Amino acid sequence: MPRLRDKAALLTGAASGIGRATAFAFADEGAMLALADLNGEALRELEEELRARGANVLSLAGDVSLASYNRKLVEDTVAQFGR
């Protein structure tokens, strides 16, 4: 049984590097993923790759230095995953 089943993870900087690798690792363990990154195109590509592997994914491109973006990210995550 995947260790992160029924858990939600919110990852910033998800479209590349460590964030991208973490997204795949968490998806492989069954986590529901909320992904954030400035690079919307790379984020969409990551979302497609993860969905193709069966992951439950929400992605929202934006700037985590903005409080309004962070509020929306959390609100959308809770709305999508219930946590």
PDB file of N, CA and C in Angstrom:
ATOM      1  N   MET A   1       0.844  -1.180   0.000  1.00  0.00           N
ATOM      2  CA  MET A   1       0.000   0.000   0.000  1.00  0.00           C
ATOM      3  C   MET A   1       0.893   1.248   0.000  1.00  0.00           C
ATOM      4  N   PRO A   2       0.609   2.202  -0.899  1.00  0.00           N
ATOM      5  CA  PRO A   2       1.410   3.431  -0.938  1.00  0.00           C
ATOM      6  C   PRO A   2       1.367   4.177   0.394  1.00  0.00           C
ATOM      7  N   ARG A   3       2.517   4.666   0.813  1.00  0.00           N
ATOM      8  CA  ARG A   3       2.634   5.316   2.123  1.00  0.00           C
ATOM      9  C   ARG A   3       1.907   6.650   2.213  1.00  0.00           C
ATOM     10  N   LEU A   4       1.689   7.329   1.090  1.00  0.00           N
ATOM     11  CA  LEU A   4       1.057   8.652   1.131  1.00  0.00           C
ATOM     12  C   LEU A   4      -0.375   8.641   0.600  1.00  0.00           C
ATOM     13  N   ARG A   5      -0.958   7.475   0.516  1.00  0.00           N
ATOM     14  CA  ARG A   5      -2.341   7.358   0.054  1.00  0.00           C
ATOM     15  C   ARG A   5      -3.254   8.191   0.950  1.00  0.00           C
ATOM     16  N   ASP A   6      -4.182   8.920   0.343  1.00  0.00           N
ATOM     17  CA  ASP A   6      -5.136   9.790   1.041  1.00  0.00           C
ATOM     18  C   ASP A   6      -4.473  10.986   1.713  1.00  0.00           C
ATOM     19  N   LYS A   7      -3.249  11.289   1.342  1.00  0.00           N
ATOM     20  CA  LYS A   7      -2.551  12.482   1.845  1.00  0.00           C
ATOM     21  C   LYS A   7      -2.441  13.481   0.705  1.00  0.00           C
ATOM     22  N   ALA A   8      -2.529  14.762   1.038  1.00  0.00           N
ATOM     23  CA  ALA A   8      -2.344  15.829   0.049  1.00  0.00           C
ATOM     24  C   ALA A   8      -1.010  16.510   0.310  1.00  0.00           C
ATOM     25  N   ALA A   9      -0.290  16.786  -0.765  1.00  0.00           N
ATOM     26  CA  ALA A   9       0.989  17.485  -0.668  1.00  0.00           C
ATOM     27  C   ALA A   9       0.947  18.711  -1.566  1.00  0.00           C
ATOM     28  N   LEU A  10       1.366  19.838  -1.032  1.00  0.00           N
ATOM     29  CA  LEU A  10       1.458  21.072  -1.801  1.00  0.00           C
ATOM     30  C   LEU A  10       2.943  21.347  -2.035  1.00  0.00           C
ATOM     31  N   LEU A  11       3.352  21.334  -3.293  1.00  0.00           N
ATOM     32  CA  LEU A  11       4.762  21.499  -3.644  1.00  0.00           C
ATOM     33  C   LEU A  11       4.967  22.784  -4.422  1.00  0.00           C
ATOM     34  N   THR A  12       5.864  23.632  -3.949  1.00  0.00           N
ATOM     35  CA  THR A  12       6.233  24.830  -4.693  1.00  0.00           C
ATOM     36  C   THR A  12       7.533  24.561  -5.447  1.00  0.00           C
ATOM     37  N   GLY A  13       7.750  25.299  -6.519  1.00  0.00           N
ATOM     38  CA  GLY A  13       8.925  25.042  -7.349  1.00  0.00           C
ATOM     39  C   GLY A  13       8.860  23.665  -7.980  1.00  0.00           C
ATOM     40  N   ALA A  14       7.644  23.228  -8.295  1.00  0.00           N
ATOM     41  CA  ALA A  14       7.416  21.845  -8.695  1.00  0.00           C
ATOM     42  C   ALA A  14       7.812  21.517 -10.131  1.00  0.00           C
ATOM     43  N   ALA A  15       7.968  22.512 -10.987  1.00  0.00           N
ATOM     44  CA  ALA A  15       8.148  22.238 -12.415  1.00  0.00           C
ATOM     45  C   ALA A  15       9.547  21.785 -12.802  1.00  0.00           C
ATOM     46  N   SER A  16      10.511  21.919 -11.908  1.00  0.00           N
ATOM     47  CA  SER A  16      11.874  21.528 -12.279  1.00  0.00           C
ATOM     48  C   SER A  16      12.678  21.114 -11.050  1.00  0.00           C
ATOM     49  N   GLY A  17      13.814  20.506 -11.316  1.00  0.00           N
ATOM     50  CA  GLY A  17      14.765  20.181 -10.264  1.00  0.00           C
ATOM     51  C   GLY A  17      14.207  19.302  -9.159  1.00  0.00           C
ATOM     52  N   ILE A  18      14.535  19.679  -7.931  1.00  0.00           N
ATOM     53  CA  ILE A  18      14.120  18.911  -6.757  1.00  0.00           C
ATOM     54  C   ILE A  18      12.599  18.872  -6.633  1.00  0.00           C
ATOM     55  N   GLY A  19      11.925  19.968  -6.946  1.00  0.00           N
ATOM     56  CA  GLY A  19      10.467  19.993  -6.872  1.00  0.00           C
ATOM     57  C   GLY A  19       9.831  18.976  -7.800  1.00  0.00           C
ATOM     58  N   ARG A  20      10.343  18.895  -9.017  1.00  0.00           N
ATOM     59  CA  ARG A  20       9.827  17.931  -9.998  1.00  0.00           C
ATOM     60  C   ARG A  20      10.081  16.497  -9.526  1.00  0.00           C
ATOM     61  N   ALA A  21      11.283  16.235  -9.067  1.00  0.00           N
ATOM     62  CA  ALA A  21      11.617  14.897  -8.572  1.00  0.00           C
ATOM     63  C   ALA A  21      10.744  14.524  -7.375  1.00  0.00           C
ATOM     64  N   THR A  22      10.498  15.487  -6.505  1.00  0.00           N
ATOM     65  CA  THR A  22       9.641  15.247  -5.341  1.00  0.00           C
ATOM     66  C   THR A  22       8.217  14.942  -5.776  1.00  0.00           C
ATOM     67  N   ALA A  23       7.727  15.651  -6.784  1.00  0.00           N
ATOM     68  CA  ALA A  23       6.375  15.401  -7.288  1.00  0.00           C
ATOM     69  C   ALA A  23       6.234  13.957  -7.765  1.00  0.00           C
ATOM     70  N   PHE A  24       7.207  13.471  -8.519  1.00  0.00           N
ATOM     71  CA  PHE A  24       7.152  12.080  -8.985  1.00  0.00           C
ATOM     72  C   PHE A  24       7.249  11.098  -7.820  1.00  0.00           C
ATOM     73  N   ALA A  25       8.114  11.379  -6.861  1.00  0.00           N
ATOM     74  CA  ALA A  25       8.263  10.487  -5.706  1.00  0.00           C
ATOM     75  C   ALA A  25       6.974  10.431  -4.894  1.00  0.00           C
ATOM     76  N   PHE A  26       6.370  11.585  -4.647  1.00  0.00           N
ATOM     77  CA  PHE A  26       5.124  11.624  -3.883  1.00  0.00           C
ATOM     78  C   PHE A  26       3.993  10.947  -4.654  1.00  0.00           C
ATOM     79  N   ALA A  27       3.936  11.171  -5.961  1.00  0.00           N
ATOM     80  CA  ALA A  27       2.904  10.525  -6.780  1.00  0.00           C
ATOM     81  C   ALA A  27       3.060   9.009  -6.732  1.00  0.00           C
ATOM     82  N   ASP A  28       4.293   8.532  -6.807  1.00  0.00           N
ATOM     83  CA  ASP A  28       4.539   7.089  -6.741  1.00  0.00           C
ATOM     84  C   ASP A  28       4.090   6.497  -5.412  1.00  0.00           C
ATOM     85  N   GLU A  29       4.048   7.319  -4.375  1.00  0.00           N
ATOM     86  CA  GLU A  29       3.599   6.864  -3.054  1.00  0.00           C
ATOM     87  C   GLU A  29       2.115   7.145  -2.820  1.00  0.00           C
ATOM     88  N   GLY A  30       1.407   7.621  -3.857  1.00  0.00           N
ATOM     89  CA  GLY A  30      -0.040   7.763  -3.779  1.00  0.00           C
ATOM     90  C   GLY A  30      -0.571   9.099  -3.314  1.00  0.00           C
ATOM     91  N   ALA A  31       0.285  10.097  -3.155  1.00  0.00           N
ATOM     92  CA  ALA A  31      -0.178  11.411  -2.681  1.00  0.00           C
ATOM     93  C   ALA A  31      -1.011  12.124  -3.737  1.00  0.00           C
ATOM     94  N   MET A  32      -1.959  12.913  -3.272  1.00  0.00           N
ATOM     95  CA  MET A  32      -2.674  13.865  -4.115  1.00  0.00           C
ATOM     96  C   MET A  32      -1.800  15.114  -4.155  1.00  0.00           C
ATOM     97  N   LEU A  33      -1.563  15.654  -5.342  1.00  0.00           N
ATOM     98  CA  LEU A  33      -0.567  16.708  -5.486  1.00  0.00           C
ATOM     99  C   LEU A  33      -1.159  18.044  -5.906  1.00  0.00           C
ATOM    100  N   ALA A  34      -0.818  19.081  -5.169  1.00  0.00           N
ATOM    101  CA  ALA A  34      -1.070  20.463  -5.564  1.00  0.00           C
ATOM    102  C   ALA A  34       0.291  21.035  -5.931  1.00  0.00           C
ATOM    103  N   LEU A  35       0.440  21.439  -7.178  1.00  0.00           N
ATOM    104  CA  LEU A  35       1.736  21.865  -7.695  1.00  0.00           C
ATOM    105  C   LEU A  35       1.735  23.349  -8.012  1.00  0.00           C
ATOM    106  N   ALA A  36       2.798  24.029  -7.624  1.00  0.00           N
ATOM    107  CA  ALA A  36       2.934  25.464  -7.861  1.00  0.00           C
ATOM    108  C   ALA A  36       4.288  25.750  -8.490  1.00  0.00           C
ATOM    109  N   ASP A  37       4.295  26.681  -9.448  1.00  0.00           N
ATOM    110  CA  ASP A  37       5.547  27.116 -10.058  1.00  0.00           C
ATOM    111  C   ASP A  37       5.276  28.369 -10.883  1.00  0.00           C
ATOM    112  N   LEU A  38       6.290  29.186 -11.069  1.00  0.00           N
ATOM    113  CA  LEU A  38       6.186  30.363 -11.933  1.00  0.00           C
ATOM    114  C   LEU A  38       6.062  29.977 -13.402  1.00  0.00           C
ATOM    115  N   ASN A  39       6.694  28.888 -13.789  1.00  0.00           N
ATOM    116  CA  ASN A  39       6.746  28.461 -15.180  1.00  0.00           C
ATOM    117  C   ASN A  39       5.501  27.640 -15.520  1.00  0.00           C
ATOM    118  N   GLY A  40       4.482  28.318 -16.028  1.00  0.00           N
ATOM    119  CA  GLY A  40       3.214  27.656 -16.313  1.00  0.00           C
ATOM    120  C   GLY A  40       3.310  26.555 -17.344  1.00  0.00           C
ATOM    121  N   GLU A  41       4.116  26.755 -18.379  1.00  0.00           N
ATOM    122  CA  GLU A  41       4.245  25.743 -19.424  1.00  0.00           C
ATOM    123  C   GLU A  41       4.881  24.470 -18.877  1.00  0.00           C
ATOM    124  N   ALA A  42       5.964  24.606 -18.142  1.00  0.00           N
ATOM    125  CA  ALA A  42       6.622  23.436 -17.550  1.00  0.00           C
ATOM    126  C   ALA A  42       5.708  22.762 -16.529  1.00  0.00           C
ATOM    127  N   LEU A  43       4.928  23.550 -15.816  1.00  0.00           N
ATOM    128  CA  LEU A  43       4.002  23.005 -14.825  1.00  0.00           C
ATOM    129  C   LEU A  43       2.909  22.180 -15.504  1.00  0.00           C
ATOM    130  N   ARG A  44       2.372  22.676 -16.627  1.00  0.00           N
ATOM    131  CA  ARG A  44       1.360  21.920 -17.374  1.00  0.00           C
ATOM    132  C   ARG A  44       1.936  20.602 -17.898  1.00  0.00           C
ATOM    133  N   GLU A  45       3.173  20.650 -18.382  1.00  0.00           N
ATOM    134  CA  GLU A  45       3.814  19.425 -18.867  1.00  0.00           C
ATOM    135  C   GLU A  45       3.970  18.408 -17.741  1.00  0.00           C
ATOM    136  N   LEU A  46       4.382  18.876 -16.581  1.00  0.00           N
ATOM    137  CA  LEU A  46       4.522  17.987 -15.424  1.00  0.00           C
ATOM    138  C   LEU A  46       3.170  17.403 -15.038  1.00  0.00           C
ATOM    139  N   GLU A  47       2.149  18.241 -15.007  1.00  0.00           N
ATOM    140  CA  GLU A  47       0.806  17.762 -14.667  1.00  0.00           C
ATOM    141  C   GLU A  47       0.376  16.650 -15.622  1.00  0.00           C
ATOM    142  N   GLU A  48       0.601  16.838 -16.914  1.00  0.00           N
ATOM    143  CA  GLU A  48       0.234  15.817 -17.903  1.00  0.00           C
ATOM    144  C   GLU A  48       0.991  14.511 -17.665  1.00  0.00           C
ATOM    145  N   GLU A  49       2.283  14.612 -17.385  1.00  0.00           N
ATOM    146  CA  GLU A  49       3.085  13.414 -17.128  1.00  0.00           C
ATOM    147  C   GLU A  49       2.588  12.669 -15.895  1.00  0.00           C
ATOM    148  N   LEU A  50       2.281  13.407 -14.848  1.00  0.00           N
ATOM    149  CA  LEU A  50       1.817  12.777 -13.610  1.00  0.00           C
ATOM    150  C   LEU A  50       0.436  12.161 -13.793  1.00  0.00           C
ATOM    151  N   ARG A  51      -0.455  12.855 -14.487  1.00  0.00           N
ATOM    152  CA  ARG A  51      -1.789  12.297 -14.744  1.00  0.00           C
ATOM    153  C   ARG A  51      -1.696  11.013 -15.572  1.00  0.00           C
ATOM    154  N   ALA A  52      -0.775  10.987 -16.531  1.00  0.00           N
ATOM    155  CA  ALA A  52      -0.586   9.789 -17.354  1.00  0.00           C
ATOM    156  C   ALA A  52      -0.154   8.595 -16.502  1.00  0.00           C
ATOM    157  N   ARG A  53       0.456   8.879 -15.369  1.00  0.00           N
ATOM    158  CA  ARG A  53       0.871   7.823 -14.434  1.00  0.00           C
ATOM    159  C   ARG A  53      -0.207   7.527 -13.395  1.00  0.00           C
ATOM    160  N   GLY A  54      -1.360   8.200 -13.505  1.00  0.00           N
ATOM    161  CA  GLY A  54      -2.472   7.935 -12.607  1.00  0.00           C
ATOM    162  C   GLY A  54      -2.561   8.827 -11.391  1.00  0.00           C
ATOM    163  N   ALA A  55      -1.753   9.873 -11.329  1.00  0.00           N
ATOM    164  CA  ALA A  55      -1.754  10.764 -10.159  1.00  0.00           C
ATOM    165  C   ALA A  55      -2.938  11.726 -10.196  1.00  0.00           C
ATOM    166  N   ASN A  56      -3.410  12.085  -9.013  1.00  0.00           N
ATOM    167  CA  ASN A  56      -4.451  13.096  -8.833  1.00  0.00           C
ATOM    168  C   ASN A  56      -3.732  14.426  -8.616  1.00  0.00           C
ATOM    169  N   VAL A  57      -3.836  15.335  -9.594  1.00  0.00           N
ATOM    170  CA  VAL A  57      -3.000  16.533  -9.613  1.00  0.00           C
ATOM    171  C   VAL A  57      -3.817  17.797  -9.819  1.00  0.00           C
ATOM    172  N   LEU A  58      -3.455  18.824  -9.082  1.00  0.00           N
ATOM    173  CA  LEU A  58      -3.932  20.194  -9.274  1.00  0.00           C
ATOM    174  C   LEU A  58      -2.690  21.040  -9.496  1.00  0.00           C
ATOM    175  N   SER A  59      -2.680  21.877 -10.534  1.00  0.00           N
ATOM    176  CA  SER A  59      -1.532  22.770 -10.717  1.00  0.00           C
ATOM    177  C   SER A  59      -2.028  24.195 -10.879  1.00  0.00           C
ATOM    178  N   LEU A  60      -1.254  25.113 -10.341  1.00  0.00           N
ATOM    179  CA  LEU A  60      -1.602  26.527 -10.402  1.00  0.00           C
ATOM    180  C   LEU A  60      -0.316  27.329 -10.548  1.00  0.00           C
ATOM    181  N   ALA A  61      -0.119  27.893 -11.740  1.00  0.00           N
ATOM    182  CA  ALA A  61       1.077  28.696 -11.994  1.00  0.00           C
ATOM    183  C   ALA A  61       0.941  30.046 -11.304  1.00  0.00           C
ATOM    184  N   GLY A  62       2.026  30.496 -10.711  1.00  0.00           N
ATOM    185  CA  GLY A  62       2.006  31.793 -10.053  1.00  0.00           C
ATOM    186  C   GLY A  62       3.240  32.023  -9.211  1.00  0.00           C
ATOM    187  N   ASP A  63       3.225  33.139  -8.519  1.00  0.00           N
ATOM    188  CA  ASP A  63       4.366  33.622  -7.745  1.00  0.00           C
ATOM    189  C   ASP A  63       4.085  33.472  -6.251  1.00  0.00           C
ATOM    190  N   VAL A  64       4.820  32.581  -5.586  1.00  0.00           N
ATOM    191  CA  VAL A  64       4.589  32.326  -4.165  1.00  0.00           C
ATOM    192  C   VAL A  64       4.992  33.495  -3.270  1.00  0.00           C
ATOM    193  N   SER A  65       5.606  34.527  -3.838  1.00  0.00           N
ATOM    194  CA  SER A  65       5.917  35.711  -3.028  1.00  0.00           C
ATOM    195  C   SER A  65       4.698  36.615  -2.865  1.00  0.00           C
ATOM    196  N   LEU A  66       3.596  36.281  -3.548  1.00  0.00           N
ATOM    197  CA  LEU A  66       2.362  37.064  -3.457  1.00  0.00           C
ATOM    198  C   LEU A  66       1.365  36.380  -2.525  1.00  0.00           C
ATOM    199  N   ALA A  67       0.944  37.082  -1.496  1.00  0.00           N
ATOM    200  CA  ALA A  67       0.001  36.515  -0.524  1.00  0.00           C
ATOM    201  C   ALA A  67      -1.297  36.084  -1.195  1.00  0.00           C
ATOM    202  N   SER A  68      -1.777  36.839  -2.158  1.00  0.00           N
ATOM    203  CA  SER A  68      -3.035  36.504  -2.827  1.00  0.00           C
ATOM    204  C   SER A  68      -2.921  35.176  -3.583  1.00  0.00           C
ATOM    205  N   TYR A  69      -1.784  34.926  -4.192  1.00  0.00           N
ATOM    206  CA  TYR A  69      -1.560  33.657  -4.884  1.00  0.00           C
ATOM    207  C   TYR A  69      -1.544  32.506  -3.883  1.00  0.00           C
ATOM    208  N   ASN A  70      -0.874  32.693  -2.768  1.00  0.00           N
ATOM    209  CA  ASN A  70      -0.802  31.642  -1.752  1.00  0.00           C
ATOM    210  C   ASN A  70      -2.177  31.310  -1.195  1.00  0.00           C
ATOM    211  N   ARG A  71      -2.998  32.326  -0.956  1.00  0.00           N
ATOM    212  CA  ARG A  71      -4.367  32.072  -0.484  1.00  0.00           C
ATOM    213  C   ARG A  71      -5.137  31.238  -1.504  1.00  0.00           C
ATOM    214  N   LYS A  72      -5.055  31.630  -2.780  1.00  0.00           N
ATOM    215  CA  LYS A  72      -5.766  30.897  -3.830  1.00  0.00           C
ATOM    216  C   LYS A  72      -5.249  29.468  -3.934  1.00  0.00           C
ATOM    217  N   LEU A  73      -3.954  29.294  -3.833  1.00  0.00           N
ATOM    218  CA  LEU A  73      -3.368  27.959  -3.910  1.00  0.00           C
ATOM    219  C   LEU A  73      -3.905  27.060  -2.798  1.00  0.00           C
ATOM    220  N   VAL A  74      -3.946  27.570  -1.584  1.00  0.00           N
ATOM    221  CA  VAL A  74      -4.462  26.790  -0.456  1.00  0.00           C
ATOM    222  C   VAL A  74      -5.964  26.549  -0.614  1.00  0.00           C
ATOM    223  N   GLU A  75      -6.717  27.579  -0.979  1.00  0.00           N
ATOM    224  CA  GLU A  75      -8.164  27.424  -1.165  1.00  0.00           C
ATOM    225  C   GLU A  75      -8.475  26.386  -2.242  1.00  0.00           C
ATOM    226  N   ASP A  76      -7.777  26.454  -3.374  1.00  0.00           N
ATOM    227  CA  ASP A  76      -8.008  25.497  -4.458  1.00  0.00           C
ATOM    228  C   ASP A  76      -7.606  24.082  -4.051  1.00  0.00           C
ATOM    229  N   THR A  77      -6.536  23.963  -3.285  1.00  0.00           N
ATOM    230  CA  THR A  77      -6.092  22.650  -2.811  1.00  0.00           C
ATOM    231  C   THR A  77      -7.146  22.026  -1.901  1.00  0.00           C
ATOM    232  N   VAL A  78      -7.657  22.801  -0.967  1.00  0.00           N
ATOM    233  CA  VAL A  78      -8.692  22.303  -0.051  1.00  0.00           C
ATOM    234  C   VAL A  78      -9.961  21.954  -0.827  1.00  0.00           C
ATOM    235  N   ALA A  79     -10.335  22.801  -1.782  1.00  0.00           N
ATOM    236  CA  ALA A  79     -11.532  22.524  -2.582  1.00  0.00           C
ATOM    237  C   ALA A  79     -11.379  21.234  -3.391  1.00  0.00           C
ATOM    238  N   GLN A  80     -10.202  21.012  -3.945  1.00  0.00           N
ATOM    239  CA  GLN A  80      -9.966  19.831  -4.788  1.00  0.00           C
ATOM    240  C   GLN A  80      -9.828  18.550  -3.969  1.00  0.00           C
ATOM    241  N   PHE A  81      -9.087  18.623  -2.872  1.00  0.00           N
ATOM    242  CA  PHE A  81      -8.736  17.409  -2.136  1.00  0.00           C
ATOM    243  C   PHE A  81      -9.414  17.276  -0.772  1.00  0.00           C
ATOM    244  N   GLY A  82     -10.119  18.311  -0.344  1.00  0.00           N
ATOM    245  CA  GLY A  82     -10.808  18.246   0.938  1.00  0.00           C
ATOM    246  C   GLY A  82      -9.895  18.345   2.143  1.00  0.00           C
ATOM    247  N   ARG A  83      -8.687  18.795   1.941  1.00  0.00           N
ATOM    248  CA  ARG A  83      -7.714  18.977   3.023  1.00  0.00           C
ATOM    249  C   ARG A  83      -6.656  19.958   2.606  1.00  0.00           C
TER     250      ARG A  83
END
